[in-house]
Amino acid sequence: MLQARPPGRLRRMTGSGKAPPHRRGSRDYWLERAAQANAIAAQLGENESRANVLAVAKSYEVLAAHSEPEPQATRLALLVKQAADRVAQGEQHIAKQRALIATLKSDGHDVAEAERLLRTFEETQVLHVEHRDRMRREEAQAAGAAKPGKAIPGLHRRRAGRHNPH
């Protein structure tokens, strides 16, 4: 049965004994584990234990090489949310500015500067909407490419024993 924490000496050598703050199984997770194992090996003398810990570090590096980085879908989902939030905030600014212009006009004030600011808000809003839509398309494209059997653009993997010159 596996222990929740490493035994005393290993815990003292690596710090708190907690797992790295990366998603378990991600490339960063395995690279962090390899770094921890290499740090432990550096503290050991030239003996069989050091060789074993170095072998473990090497196996973590191999796992990292075969692992995917943190999911792009997570990053894209965050970007889509941020872009959508900017669009919503822009709509609020435009609505407030229009209400302000109406109030200024009804009170007989000059609204030229307020209208220029409104046009700036509207122009900026167009850019925010375009950005949000572009992020949504990228998210949808990444989700479609991530389905089994679909190739992810820009990702080329070699399979053992096969060579594809293209």
C-alpha atoms as a PDB file:
ATOM      1  CA  MET A   1       0.000   0.000   0.000  1.00  0.00           C
ATOM      2  CA  LEU A   2       1.325   3.465  -0.929  1.00  0.00           C
ATOM      3  CA  GLN A   3       1.938   6.019   1.771  1.00  0.00           C
ATOM      4  CA  ALA A   4       0.347   9.455   1.508  1.00  0.00           C
ATOM      5  CA  ARG A   5       3.685  11.107   2.310  1.00  0.00           C
ATOM      6  CA  PRO A   6       7.236  10.019   1.595  1.00  0.00           C
ATOM      7  CA  PRO A   7       9.139   8.495   4.493  1.00  0.00           C
ATOM      8  CA  GLY A   8      10.970  10.877   6.847  1.00  0.00           C
ATOM      9  CA  ARG A   9      14.337  11.198   5.119  1.00  0.00           C
ATOM     10  CA  LEU A  10      12.835  11.646   1.654  1.00  0.00           C
ATOM     11  CA  ARG A  11      10.345  14.207   3.012  1.00  0.00           C
ATOM     12  CA  ARG A  12      13.186  16.172   4.642  1.00  0.00           C
ATOM     13  CA  MET A  13      15.206  16.144   1.424  1.00  0.00           C
ATOM     14  CA  THR A  14      12.374  17.316  -0.838  1.00  0.00           C
ATOM     15  CA  GLY A  15      10.699  19.727   1.534  1.00  0.00           C
ATOM     16  CA  SER A  16       7.142  19.119   2.660  1.00  0.00           C
ATOM     17  CA  GLY A  17       6.674  15.907   0.720  1.00  0.00           C
ATOM     18  CA  LYS A  18       3.807  17.435  -1.242  1.00  0.00           C
ATOM     19  CA  ALA A  19       3.371  16.717  -4.917  1.00  0.00           C
ATOM     20  CA  PRO A  20       4.347  19.501  -7.325  1.00  0.00           C
ATOM     21  CA  PRO A  21       1.628  22.068  -8.028  1.00  0.00           C
ATOM     22  CA  HIS A  22       1.042  20.786 -11.551  1.00  0.00           C
ATOM     23  CA  ARG A  23      -1.704  18.590 -12.911  1.00  0.00           C
ATOM     24  CA  ARG A  24      -0.718  15.018 -12.115  1.00  0.00           C
ATOM     25  CA  GLY A  25       0.615  13.365 -15.244  1.00  0.00           C
ATOM     26  CA  SER A  26       1.399  16.602 -17.105  1.00  0.00           C
ATOM     27  CA  ARG A  27       4.825  17.280 -18.577  1.00  0.00           C
ATOM     28  CA  ASP A  28       5.545  19.879 -15.883  1.00  0.00           C
ATOM     29  CA  TYR A  29       4.545  17.436 -13.158  1.00  0.00           C
ATOM     30  CA  TRP A  30       7.047  14.805 -14.346  1.00  0.00           C
ATOM     31  CA  LEU A  31       9.820  17.362 -14.893  1.00  0.00           C
ATOM     32  CA  GLU A  32       9.341  18.631 -11.340  1.00  0.00           C
ATOM     33  CA  ARG A  33       9.482  15.060 -10.033  1.00  0.00           C
ATOM     34  CA  ALA A  34      12.701  14.484 -12.023  1.00  0.00           C
ATOM     35  CA  ALA A  35      14.220  17.647 -10.536  1.00  0.00           C
ATOM     36  CA  GLN A  36      13.322  16.458  -7.043  1.00  0.00           C
ATOM     37  CA  ALA A  37      14.880  13.045  -7.650  1.00  0.00           C
ATOM     38  CA  ASN A  38      18.041  14.655  -9.066  1.00  0.00           C
ATOM     39  CA  ALA A  39      18.253  16.878  -5.970  1.00  0.00           C
ATOM     40  CA  ILE A  40      18.024  13.810  -3.738  1.00  0.00           C
ATOM     41  CA  ALA A  41      20.664  11.994  -5.805  1.00  0.00           C
ATOM     42  CA  ALA A  42      23.011  14.974  -5.441  1.00  0.00           C
ATOM     43  CA  GLN A  43      22.819  14.591  -1.656  1.00  0.00           C
ATOM     44  CA  LEU A  44      23.660  10.886  -1.738  1.00  0.00           C
ATOM     45  CA  GLY A  45      27.185   9.549  -1.933  1.00  0.00           C
ATOM     46  CA  GLU A  46      28.478   7.461  -4.821  1.00  0.00           C
ATOM     47  CA  ASN A  47      26.619   4.237  -4.130  1.00  0.00           C
ATOM     48  CA  GLU A  48      23.863   1.987  -5.375  1.00  0.00           C
ATOM     49  CA  SER A  49      21.150   4.168  -3.787  1.00  0.00           C
ATOM     50  CA  ARG A  50      22.330   7.201  -5.772  1.00  0.00           C
ATOM     51  CA  ALA A  51      22.325   5.163  -8.988  1.00  0.00           C
ATOM     52  CA  ASN A  52      18.768   3.989  -8.250  1.00  0.00           C
ATOM     53  CA  VAL A  53      17.523   7.527  -7.573  1.00  0.00           C
ATOM     54  CA  LEU A  54      19.191   8.753 -10.788  1.00  0.00           C
ATOM     55  CA  ALA A  55      17.414   5.949 -12.668  1.00  0.00           C
ATOM     56  CA  VAL A  56      14.114   7.102 -11.183  1.00  0.00           C
ATOM     57  CA  ALA A  57      14.885  10.699 -12.257  1.00  0.00           C
ATOM     58  CA  LYS A  58      15.634   9.464 -15.775  1.00  0.00           C
ATOM     59  CA  SER A  59      12.343   7.553 -15.891  1.00  0.00           C
ATOM     60  CA  TYR A  60      10.500  10.742 -14.837  1.00  0.00           C
ATOM     61  CA  GLU A  61      12.212  12.604 -17.679  1.00  0.00           C
ATOM     62  CA  VAL A  62      11.080   9.908 -20.113  1.00  0.00           C
ATOM     63  CA  LEU A  63       7.516  10.216 -18.802  1.00  0.00           C
ATOM     64  CA  ALA A  64       7.741  14.001 -19.266  1.00  0.00           C
ATOM     65  CA  ALA A  65       8.886  13.548 -22.850  1.00  0.00           C
ATOM     66  CA  HIS A  66       5.828  11.396 -23.561  1.00  0.00           C
ATOM     67  CA  SER A  67       3.358  13.593 -21.672  1.00  0.00           C
ATOM     68  CA  GLU A  68       1.336  16.454 -23.027  1.00  0.00           C
ATOM     69  CA  PRO A  69       1.824  19.933 -21.610  1.00  0.00           C
ATOM     70  CA  GLU A  70      -0.939  21.484 -19.529  1.00  0.00           C
ATOM     71  CA  PRO A  71      -4.109  21.213 -21.607  1.00  0.00           C
ATOM     72  CA  GLN A  72      -4.502  23.911 -24.224  1.00  0.00           C
ATOM     73  CA  ALA A  73      -8.266  23.641 -23.802  1.00  0.00           C
ATOM     74  CA  THR A  74      -7.975  24.924 -20.234  1.00  0.00           C
ATOM     75  CA  ARG A  75      -5.956  27.922 -21.363  1.00  0.00           C
ATOM     76  CA  LEU A  76      -8.314  28.649 -24.254  1.00  0.00           C
ATOM     77  CA  ALA A  77     -11.376  28.378 -22.018  1.00  0.00           C
ATOM     78  CA  LEU A  78      -9.844  30.986 -19.707  1.00  0.00           C
ATOM     79  CA  LEU A  79      -9.088  33.294 -22.646  1.00  0.00           C
ATOM     80  CA  VAL A  80     -12.646  32.913 -23.963  1.00  0.00           C
ATOM     81  CA  LYS A  81     -14.057  33.761 -20.531  1.00  0.00           C
ATOM     82  CA  GLN A  82     -11.813  36.806 -20.189  1.00  0.00           C
ATOM     83  CA  ALA A  83     -12.769  38.023 -23.670  1.00  0.00           C
ATOM     84  CA  ALA A  84     -16.480  37.505 -22.938  1.00  0.00           C
ATOM     85  CA  ASP A  85     -16.088  39.423 -19.676  1.00  0.00           C
ATOM     86  CA  ARG A  86     -14.487  42.326 -21.581  1.00  0.00           C
ATOM     87  CA  VAL A  87     -17.394  42.358 -24.051  1.00  0.00           C
ATOM     88  CA  ALA A  88     -19.925  42.416 -21.193  1.00  0.00           C
ATOM     89  CA  GLN A  89     -18.013  45.179 -19.434  1.00  0.00           C
ATOM     90  CA  GLY A  90     -17.821  47.146 -22.696  1.00  0.00           C
ATOM     91  CA  GLU A  91     -21.596  46.855 -23.131  1.00  0.00           C
ATOM     92  CA  GLN A  92     -22.057  48.266 -19.627  1.00  0.00           C
ATOM     93  CA  HIS A  93     -19.712  51.192 -20.368  1.00  0.00           C
ATOM     94  CA  ILE A  94     -21.556  51.974 -23.596  1.00  0.00           C
ATOM     95  CA  ALA A  95     -24.956  51.826 -21.882  1.00  0.00           C
ATOM     96  CA  LYS A  96     -23.765  54.138 -19.075  1.00  0.00           C
ATOM     97  CA  GLN A  97     -22.241  56.568 -21.562  1.00  0.00           C
ATOM     98  CA  ARG A  98     -25.460  56.682 -23.600  1.00  0.00           C
ATOM     99  CA  ALA A  99     -27.454  57.349 -20.423  1.00  0.00           C
ATOM    100  CA  LEU A 100     -25.002  60.092 -19.460  1.00  0.00           C
ATOM    101  CA  ILE A 101     -25.326  61.712 -22.900  1.00  0.00           C
ATOM    102  CA  ALA A 102     -29.123  61.623 -22.623  1.00  0.00           C
ATOM    103  CA  THR A 103     -28.955  63.252 -19.184  1.00  0.00           C
ATOM    104  CA  LEU A 104     -26.491  65.899 -20.373  1.00  0.00           C
ATOM    105  CA  LYS A 105     -28.655  66.688 -23.414  1.00  0.00           C
ATOM    106  CA  SER A 106     -31.820  66.974 -21.312  1.00  0.00           C
ATOM    107  CA  ASP A 107     -30.016  69.385 -18.968  1.00  0.00           C
ATOM    108  CA  GLY A 108     -28.840  71.480 -21.958  1.00  0.00           C
ATOM    109  CA  HIS A 109     -25.115  70.681 -21.670  1.00  0.00           C
ATOM    110  CA  ASP A 110     -22.626  70.278 -24.522  1.00  0.00           C
ATOM    111  CA  VAL A 111     -22.308  66.554 -25.307  1.00  0.00           C
ATOM    112  CA  ALA A 112     -19.562  66.664 -27.959  1.00  0.00           C
ATOM    113  CA  GLU A 113     -16.848  65.253 -25.685  1.00  0.00           C
ATOM    114  CA  ALA A 114     -19.203  62.634 -24.235  1.00  0.00           C
ATOM    115  CA  GLU A 115     -20.172  61.522 -27.764  1.00  0.00           C
ATOM    116  CA  ARG A 116     -16.491  61.270 -28.789  1.00  0.00           C
ATOM    117  CA  LEU A 117     -15.895  59.065 -25.765  1.00  0.00           C
ATOM    118  CA  LEU A 118     -18.940  56.965 -26.719  1.00  0.00           C
ATOM    119  CA  ARG A 119     -17.514  56.459 -30.230  1.00  0.00           C
ATOM    120  CA  THR A 120     -14.207  55.361 -28.669  1.00  0.00           C
ATOM    121  CA  PHE A 121     -16.094  52.887 -26.462  1.00  0.00           C
ATOM    122  CA  GLU A 122     -17.989  51.552 -29.493  1.00  0.00           C
ATOM    123  CA  GLU A 123     -14.816  51.185 -31.582  1.00  0.00           C
ATOM    124  CA  THR A 124     -13.099  49.393 -28.716  1.00  0.00           C
ATOM    125  CA  GLN A 125     -16.163  47.177 -28.287  1.00  0.00           C
ATOM    126  CA  VAL A 126     -15.888  46.049 -31.918  1.00  0.00           C
ATOM    127  CA  LEU A 127     -12.305  44.941 -31.197  1.00  0.00           C
ATOM    128  CA  HIS A 128     -13.381  43.132 -28.020  1.00  0.00           C
ATOM    129  CA  VAL A 129     -16.146  41.271 -29.880  1.00  0.00           C
ATOM    130  CA  GLU A 130     -13.747  40.284 -32.684  1.00  0.00           C
ATOM    131  CA  HIS A 131     -11.225  39.026 -30.127  1.00  0.00           C
ATOM    132  CA  ARG A 132     -13.890  37.053 -28.211  1.00  0.00           C
ATOM    133  CA  ASP A 133     -15.141  35.468 -31.432  1.00  0.00           C
ATOM    134  CA  ARG A 134     -11.586  34.571 -32.499  1.00  0.00           C
ATOM    135  CA  MET A 135     -10.946  32.931 -29.103  1.00  0.00           C
ATOM    136  CA  ARG A 136     -14.208  30.976 -29.406  1.00  0.00           C
ATOM    137  CA  ARG A 137     -13.191  29.731 -32.867  1.00  0.00           C
ATOM    138  CA  GLU A 138      -9.761  28.678 -31.574  1.00  0.00           C
ATOM    139  CA  GLU A 139     -11.384  26.898 -28.631  1.00  0.00           C
ATOM    140  CA  ALA A 140     -13.810  25.079 -30.949  1.00  0.00           C
ATOM    141  CA  GLN A 141     -10.998  24.170 -33.335  1.00  0.00           C
ATOM    142  CA  ALA A 142      -8.856  22.819 -30.489  1.00  0.00           C
ATOM    143  CA  ALA A 143     -11.808  20.836 -29.124  1.00  0.00           C
ATOM    144  CA  GLY A 144     -12.440  19.338 -32.571  1.00  0.00           C
ATOM    145  CA  ALA A 145      -8.767  18.475 -33.027  1.00  0.00           C
ATOM    146  CA  ALA A 146      -8.625  16.866 -29.590  1.00  0.00           C
ATOM    147  CA  LYS A 147     -11.248  14.284 -30.510  1.00  0.00           C
ATOM    148  CA  PRO A 148      -9.865  10.782 -30.983  1.00  0.00           C
ATOM    149  CA  GLY A 149      -8.640  10.172 -34.500  1.00  0.00           C
ATOM    150  CA  LYS A 150      -8.218  13.858 -35.307  1.00  0.00           C
ATOM    151  CA  ALA A 151      -4.789  15.336 -35.886  1.00  0.00           C
ATOM    152  CA  ILE A 152      -3.789  18.407 -33.938  1.00  0.00           C
ATOM    153  CA  PRO A 153      -2.286  20.997 -36.309  1.00  0.00           C
ATOM    154  CA  GLY A 154       1.413  21.489 -35.734  1.00  0.00           C
ATOM    155  CA  LEU A 155       1.773  18.317 -33.684  1.00  0.00           C
ATOM    156  CA  HIS A 156       3.823  15.636 -35.376  1.00  0.00           C
ATOM    157  CA  ARG A 157       4.700  12.421 -33.599  1.00  0.00           C
ATOM    158  CA  ARG A 158       6.817   9.606 -34.822  1.00  0.00           C
ATOM    159  CA  ARG A 159       5.740   6.096 -34.142  1.00  0.00           C
ATOM    160  CA  ALA A 160       8.344   3.514 -33.345  1.00  0.00           C
ATOM    161  CA  GLY A 161       9.467   1.614 -36.408  1.00  0.00           C
ATOM    162  CA  ARG A 162       7.714   3.899 -38.883  1.00  0.00           C
ATOM    163  CA  HIS A 163       9.188   6.730 -40.859  1.00  0.00           C
ATOM    164  CA  ASN A 164       7.059   9.296 -42.613  1.00  0.00           C
ATOM    165  CA  PRO A 165       9.157  11.600 -44.842  1.00  0.00           C
ATOM    166  CA  HIS A 166       6.275  14.063 -45.267  1.00  0.00           C
END
